[in-house]
Amino acid sequence: MVKRKKLCCPKVLNVAVLICFLICLFLSRSEASSSHKQVLPPPKNGGIYVIAHRGFHKGYPENTLIAYKKAIELGVDFIEVDLRTTRDGEIVSIHNSTVDSYTKNFKGSVSDFTLAELKEMDIGSRVKPEFEKERIPTLDEILELVNGKAGLYIDMKSADPEKVLSKLESFGMKYNVVWYGGIGTLQKVKKLCSDCFIMPDPGPFKHLEYILNEFNPPVVSTDLKWCSEAFVKMCHQRGCLVFIDVLEDGAGEEEWERVIEWGVDGIQTDDPDLLIEFLKNRNCNKEK
């Protein structure tokens, strides 16, 4: 009698098929996850993101809707806003913790006033009488203004990340915003939204590796004091962008050229109009 070769047990075959299926499923999900990684919209001006510090405030009251409108008209990529919370839990944009420098008739902390009380304050006429109707804007007003026109560079002075994120989601702007703040605040943001664009500031170069390891951030913030070609190179090797503040008095084309040569990806400035013109001219000269 001819002996037949033993066939594999059906149970063994089923287990092998199941294992293969699970491996394929894992790989396909990993590929889908990596292919759907969120990215910022491309820069509008010569490959460098232009960030308007407190809006366009040369001759305009800073952190007001009219300053933000002017920045949008210029064609900036991001508008920097400073978020604080009122006594009744509303989120507004104002840089200082008190209103003392913005209006003649009121003094005190932003957190001591309700939104209604803040809206009574004229914060525009200190710049020009024609701006007397300008008021401290709410985050909702800002989002309604900038949506589809520019991104936001959010400086989390004193605001609840969960509440801010909820407002961003309601306007469909979650992925057109970069978050600047302290380590604790950014940890909360990352926990709430793992693929949001958090932007820690490591300060000195010696802290950079720790920040990169701790956050694996998509963007890193820095300034002229701490940035260098080596700083930018390390960030790029880890797959993150570098946004630099060039806000020093008198800083201009020389500093912009230097940091662009280092490889930075975005520049925050008080002169977004001049930076945009500089980038356009720089590109034209390269094309000749």
Protein backbone atom coordinates (compact mmCIF):
# COMPACT_ATOMS: atom_id res chain seq x y z
CA MET A 1 0.00 0.00 0.00
CA VAL A 2 1.29 3.44 -0.93
CA LYS A 3 1.61 5.75 2.05
CA ARG A 4 0.04 9.13 1.55
CA LYS A 5 1.85 12.25 2.74
CA LYS A 6 0.22 13.80 5.74
CA LEU A 7 -1.53 17.04 4.98
CA CYS A 8 -1.33 20.01 7.28
CA CYS A 9 -3.96 20.11 9.91
CA PRO A 10 -6.81 22.54 9.01
CA LYS A 11 -6.41 24.20 12.40
CA VAL A 12 -2.75 24.94 11.67
CA LEU A 13 -3.67 26.39 8.30
CA ASN A 14 -6.35 28.59 9.86
CA VAL A 15 -3.90 29.96 12.44
CA ALA A 16 -1.32 30.69 9.73
CA VAL A 17 -3.92 32.48 7.60
CA LEU A 18 -5.06 34.49 10.60
CA ILE A 19 -1.49 35.54 11.43
CA CYS A 20 -0.88 36.61 7.82
CA PHE A 21 -4.13 38.56 7.83
CA LEU A 22 -3.23 40.39 11.05
CA ILE A 23 0.24 41.25 9.75
CA CYS A 24 -1.22 42.64 6.52
CA LEU A 25 -3.83 44.60 8.45
CA PHE A 26 -1.17 46.12 10.72
CA LEU A 27 1.04 47.10 7.78
CA SER A 28 -1.85 48.61 5.83
CA ARG A 29 -2.95 50.65 8.83
CA SER A 30 0.62 51.82 9.44
CA GLU A 31 0.93 52.91 5.81
CA ALA A 32 -2.44 54.66 5.96
CA SER A 33 -1.44 56.42 9.16
CA SER A 34 1.85 57.67 7.71
CA SER A 35 0.21 58.70 4.43
CA HIS A 36 -2.36 60.78 6.30
CA LYS A 37 0.17 62.68 8.43
CA GLN A 38 -0.98 66.27 8.74
CA VAL A 39 1.10 68.97 7.06
CA LEU A 40 0.87 72.75 7.15
CA PRO A 41 -0.26 74.58 4.00
CA PRO A 42 2.76 75.60 1.91
CA PRO A 43 4.21 79.10 2.45
CA LYS A 44 2.88 81.84 0.20
CA ASN A 45 6.06 83.91 -0.09
CA GLY A 46 9.23 82.39 -1.44
CA GLY A 47 9.34 79.20 0.55
CA ILE A 48 9.46 80.95 3.96
CA TYR A 49 6.46 81.24 6.27
CA VAL A 50 5.79 84.89 7.16
CA ILE A 51 4.39 85.37 10.66
CA ALA A 52 2.90 88.76 11.59
CA HIS A 53 3.71 89.45 15.25
CA ARG A 54 0.49 90.71 16.89
CA GLY A 55 -0.90 91.36 13.42
CA PHE A 56 0.27 94.31 11.34
CA HIS A 57 0.71 96.99 13.98
CA LYS A 58 2.80 99.71 12.36
CA GLY A 59 0.33 102.54 12.66
CA TYR A 60 -2.40 100.11 13.77
CA PRO A 61 -3.34 99.01 17.31
CA GLU A 62 -1.74 95.62 17.98
CA ASN A 63 -3.83 92.49 18.57
CA THR A 64 -6.97 94.02 17.08
CA LEU A 65 -9.15 92.87 14.23
CA ILE A 66 -8.04 95.75 12.04
CA ALA A 67 -4.38 94.78 12.58
CA TYR A 68 -5.23 91.19 11.64
CA LYS A 69 -7.18 92.31 8.55
CA LYS A 70 -4.21 94.33 7.34
CA ALA A 71 -1.89 91.32 7.84
CA ILE A 72 -4.25 89.18 5.77
CA GLU A 73 -4.27 91.80 2.99
CA LEU A 74 -0.47 91.69 2.91
CA GLY A 75 -0.55 87.93 2.36
CA VAL A 76 1.07 86.61 5.54
CA ASP A 77 0.99 82.90 6.34
CA PHE A 78 0.35 83.19 10.08
CA ILE A 79 -0.90 85.84 12.46
CA GLU A 80 0.43 85.67 16.00
CA VAL A 81 -2.24 86.04 18.70
CA ASP A 82 -1.82 86.07 22.49
CA LEU A 83 -4.63 84.20 24.22
CA ARG A 84 -5.91 85.04 27.71
CA THR A 85 -9.07 84.24 29.64
CA THR A 86 -11.63 86.70 31.03
CA ARG A 87 -13.26 86.49 34.42
CA ASP A 88 -16.31 84.80 32.88
CA GLY A 89 -14.25 82.24 30.95
CA GLU A 90 -14.15 83.82 27.50
CA ILE A 91 -10.93 83.66 25.43
CA VAL A 92 -9.54 86.93 24.07
CA SER A 93 -6.35 88.11 22.39
CA ILE A 94 -4.24 90.61 24.29
CA HIS A 95 -0.51 90.50 24.92
CA ASN A 96 -0.15 92.02 28.38
CA SER A 97 -1.70 90.46 31.46
CA THR A 98 -3.23 93.85 32.37
CA VAL A 99 -5.18 96.40 30.35
CA ASP A 100 -3.23 99.34 31.79
CA SER A 101 -1.20 100.10 28.64
CA TYR A 102 -4.11 99.82 26.23
CA THR A 103 -6.75 102.18 27.55
CA LYS A 104 -6.92 105.38 29.61
CA ASN A 105 -9.99 104.70 31.71
CA PHE A 106 -9.35 101.19 33.07
CA LYS A 107 -6.64 99.40 34.99
CA GLY A 108 -6.30 95.81 36.19
CA SER A 109 -5.74 92.24 35.07
CA VAL A 110 -7.53 90.86 32.03
CA SER A 111 -8.72 87.99 34.22
CA ASP A 112 -10.49 90.44 36.56
CA PHE A 113 -12.85 91.70 33.84
CA THR A 114 -15.80 90.03 32.14
CA LEU A 115 -15.91 90.01 28.36
CA ALA A 116 -18.67 92.63 28.42
CA GLU A 117 -16.48 94.91 30.54
CA LEU A 118 -13.49 94.44 28.24
CA LYS A 119 -15.66 95.25 25.21
CA GLU A 120 -16.36 98.67 26.73
CA MET A 121 -12.67 99.57 26.50
CA ASP A 122 -11.38 101.64 23.60
CA ILE A 123 -7.95 100.19 22.83
CA GLY A 124 -7.53 101.82 19.41
CA SER A 125 -7.50 105.58 19.87
CA ARG A 126 -4.18 105.40 21.72
CA VAL A 127 -2.71 104.85 18.25
CA LYS A 128 -5.03 107.06 16.17
CA PRO A 129 -8.44 108.62 16.87
CA GLU A 130 -9.84 106.80 13.83
CA PHE A 131 -9.38 103.47 15.65
CA GLU A 132 -11.54 104.39 18.65
CA LYS A 133 -14.00 101.59 17.90
CA GLU A 134 -11.36 98.87 18.09
CA ARG A 135 -11.88 96.47 20.96
CA ILE A 136 -10.09 93.46 22.45
CA PRO A 137 -11.09 90.64 20.08
CA THR A 138 -12.39 87.23 21.11
CA LEU A 139 -10.93 84.03 19.68
CA ASP A 140 -14.23 83.40 17.90
CA GLU A 141 -14.03 86.78 16.17
CA ILE A 142 -10.45 86.09 15.12
CA LEU A 143 -11.26 82.64 13.75
CA GLU A 144 -14.19 84.00 11.78
CA LEU A 145 -11.90 86.65 10.29
CA VAL A 146 -8.88 84.51 9.37
CA ASN A 147 -10.57 81.24 8.38
CA GLY A 148 -9.42 80.28 4.90
CA LYS A 149 -7.19 83.37 4.63
CA ALA A 150 -4.31 82.82 7.07
CA GLY A 151 -3.17 80.52 9.82
CA LEU A 152 -2.75 81.34 13.49
CA TYR A 153 0.40 81.28 15.58
CA ILE A 154 -1.16 80.89 19.03
CA ASP A 155 0.80 82.09 22.04
CA MET A 156 -0.93 80.41 24.98
CA LYS A 157 -0.48 83.10 27.61
CA SER A 158 -3.36 81.97 29.83
CA ALA A 159 -6.06 79.86 28.24
CA ASP A 160 -7.51 76.35 28.52
CA PRO A 161 -6.09 74.19 25.68
CA GLU A 162 -9.24 72.07 25.56
CA LYS A 163 -11.47 75.10 25.08
CA VAL A 164 -9.15 76.58 22.44
CA LEU A 165 -9.01 73.28 20.56
CA SER A 166 -12.79 72.99 20.63
CA LYS A 167 -13.12 76.41 18.99
CA LEU A 168 -10.52 75.55 16.36
CA GLU A 169 -12.39 72.36 15.51
CA SER A 170 -15.69 74.22 15.19
CA PHE A 171 -14.10 76.45 12.54
CA GLY A 172 -12.23 73.60 10.83
CA MET A 173 -8.88 75.23 11.65
CA LYS A 174 -7.23 72.61 13.85
CA TYR A 175 -4.51 71.92 11.29
CA ASN A 176 -3.82 75.51 10.27
CA VAL A 177 -2.54 76.57 13.69
CA VAL A 178 0.79 76.28 15.50
CA TRP A 179 0.79 76.23 19.31
CA TYR A 180 3.42 78.09 21.33
CA GLY A 181 3.51 77.79 25.11
CA GLY A 182 5.17 76.30 28.15
CA ILE A 183 6.03 72.62 28.46
CA GLY A 184 2.98 71.83 30.62
CA THR A 185 0.60 73.56 28.22
CA LEU A 186 2.04 71.83 25.16
CA GLN A 187 1.89 68.45 26.88
CA LYS A 188 -1.85 69.03 27.42
CA VAL A 189 -2.30 70.03 23.78
CA LYS A 190 -0.45 66.93 22.57
CA LYS A 191 -2.57 64.70 24.81
CA LEU A 192 -5.75 66.26 23.42
CA CYS A 193 -4.56 66.28 19.81
CA SER A 194 -1.55 64.10 19.01
CA ASP A 195 -1.21 65.42 15.45
CA CYS A 196 -1.66 69.13 16.19
CA PHE A 197 1.27 71.43 15.44
CA ILE A 198 2.78 72.05 18.85
CA MET A 199 5.84 74.32 18.81
CA PRO A 200 8.09 74.16 21.90
CA ASP A 201 10.93 76.61 22.47
CA PRO A 202 14.08 74.88 23.80
CA GLY A 203 16.02 78.08 24.42
CA PRO A 204 19.77 77.23 24.38
CA PHE A 205 21.06 74.62 21.95
CA LYS A 206 21.97 72.30 24.85
CA HIS A 207 18.26 71.81 25.57
CA LEU A 208 17.26 71.07 21.98
CA GLU A 209 17.83 67.30 22.02
CA TYR A 210 15.73 66.93 25.18
CA ILE A 211 12.85 68.89 23.60
CA LEU A 212 13.04 66.84 20.41
CA ASN A 213 12.98 63.60 22.38
CA GLU A 214 10.27 64.74 24.77
CA PHE A 215 7.82 66.08 22.19
CA ASN A 216 8.90 64.85 18.74
CA PRO A 217 7.45 68.19 17.61
CA PRO A 218 6.47 69.12 14.06
CA VAL A 219 7.75 72.68 14.64
CA VAL A 220 10.33 74.23 16.97
CA SER A 221 10.39 77.89 17.97
CA THR A 222 13.59 79.87 18.52
CA ASP A 223 15.10 83.35 18.25
CA LEU A 224 18.27 85.07 17.11
CA LYS A 225 19.93 84.58 20.49
CA TRP A 226 19.79 80.79 20.40
CA CYS A 227 19.43 79.80 16.75
CA SER A 228 22.31 78.65 14.57
CA GLU A 229 22.96 76.56 11.49
CA ALA A 230 23.61 73.54 13.74
CA PHE A 231 20.33 74.16 15.59
CA VAL A 232 18.35 74.15 12.33
CA LYS A 233 20.21 71.13 10.99
CA MET A 234 19.39 69.04 14.06
CA CYS A 235 15.70 69.99 13.82
CA HIS A 236 15.52 69.12 10.14
CA GLN A 237 17.24 65.79 10.77
CA ARG A 238 14.42 65.02 13.20
CA GLY A 239 11.79 66.06 10.67
CA CYS A 240 10.61 69.31 12.26
CA LEU A 241 10.36 72.86 10.95
CA VAL A 242 12.03 75.86 12.58
CA PHE A 243 10.16 79.14 13.14
CA ILE A 244 12.37 81.98 14.38
CA ASP A 245 11.51 85.29 16.03
CA VAL A 246 13.37 88.21 14.48
CA LEU A 247 11.85 90.94 16.61
CA GLU A 248 14.85 92.93 17.76
CA ASP A 249 14.79 96.68 17.13
CA GLY A 250 16.49 97.44 13.84
CA ALA A 251 16.53 93.81 12.69
CA GLY A 252 15.86 93.51 8.98
CA GLU A 253 17.25 92.23 5.72
CA GLU A 254 20.70 91.30 7.06
CA GLU A 255 19.19 89.15 9.82
CA TRP A 256 16.56 87.66 7.50
CA GLU A 257 19.22 86.65 4.98
CA ARG A 258 21.36 85.10 7.70
CA VAL A 259 18.61 82.91 9.15
CA ILE A 260 17.38 81.89 5.70
CA GLU A 261 20.91 80.75 4.90
CA TRP A 262 20.79 78.68 8.11
CA GLY A 263 17.69 77.00 6.66
CA VAL A 264 14.87 78.27 8.88
CA ASP A 265 11.34 77.64 7.63
CA GLY A 266 9.45 80.61 9.07
CA ILE A 267 10.16 84.12 10.38
CA GLN A 268 8.07 86.04 12.90
CA THR A 269 8.46 89.78 12.45
CA ASP A 270 7.00 93.18 13.26
CA ASP A 271 7.57 94.09 9.60
CA PRO A 272 5.68 91.48 7.58
CA ASP A 273 5.23 93.91 4.69
CA LEU A 274 8.98 94.43 4.35
CA LEU A 275 9.75 90.73 4.80
CA ILE A 276 7.34 89.77 2.02
CA GLU A 277 8.93 92.36 -0.29
CA PHE A 278 12.39 91.08 0.66
CA LEU A 279 11.44 87.48 -0.13
CA LYS A 280 9.94 88.44 -3.50
CA ASN A 281 13.05 90.39 -4.48
CA ARG A 282 15.29 87.59 -3.25
CA ASN A 283 13.48 85.08 -5.43
CA CYS A 284 13.59 87.36 -8.46
CA ASN A 285 17.36 87.79 -8.07
CA LYS A 286 17.80 84.01 -7.83
CA GLU A 287 15.84 83.47 -11.04
CA LYS A 288 18.01 85.92 -13.04
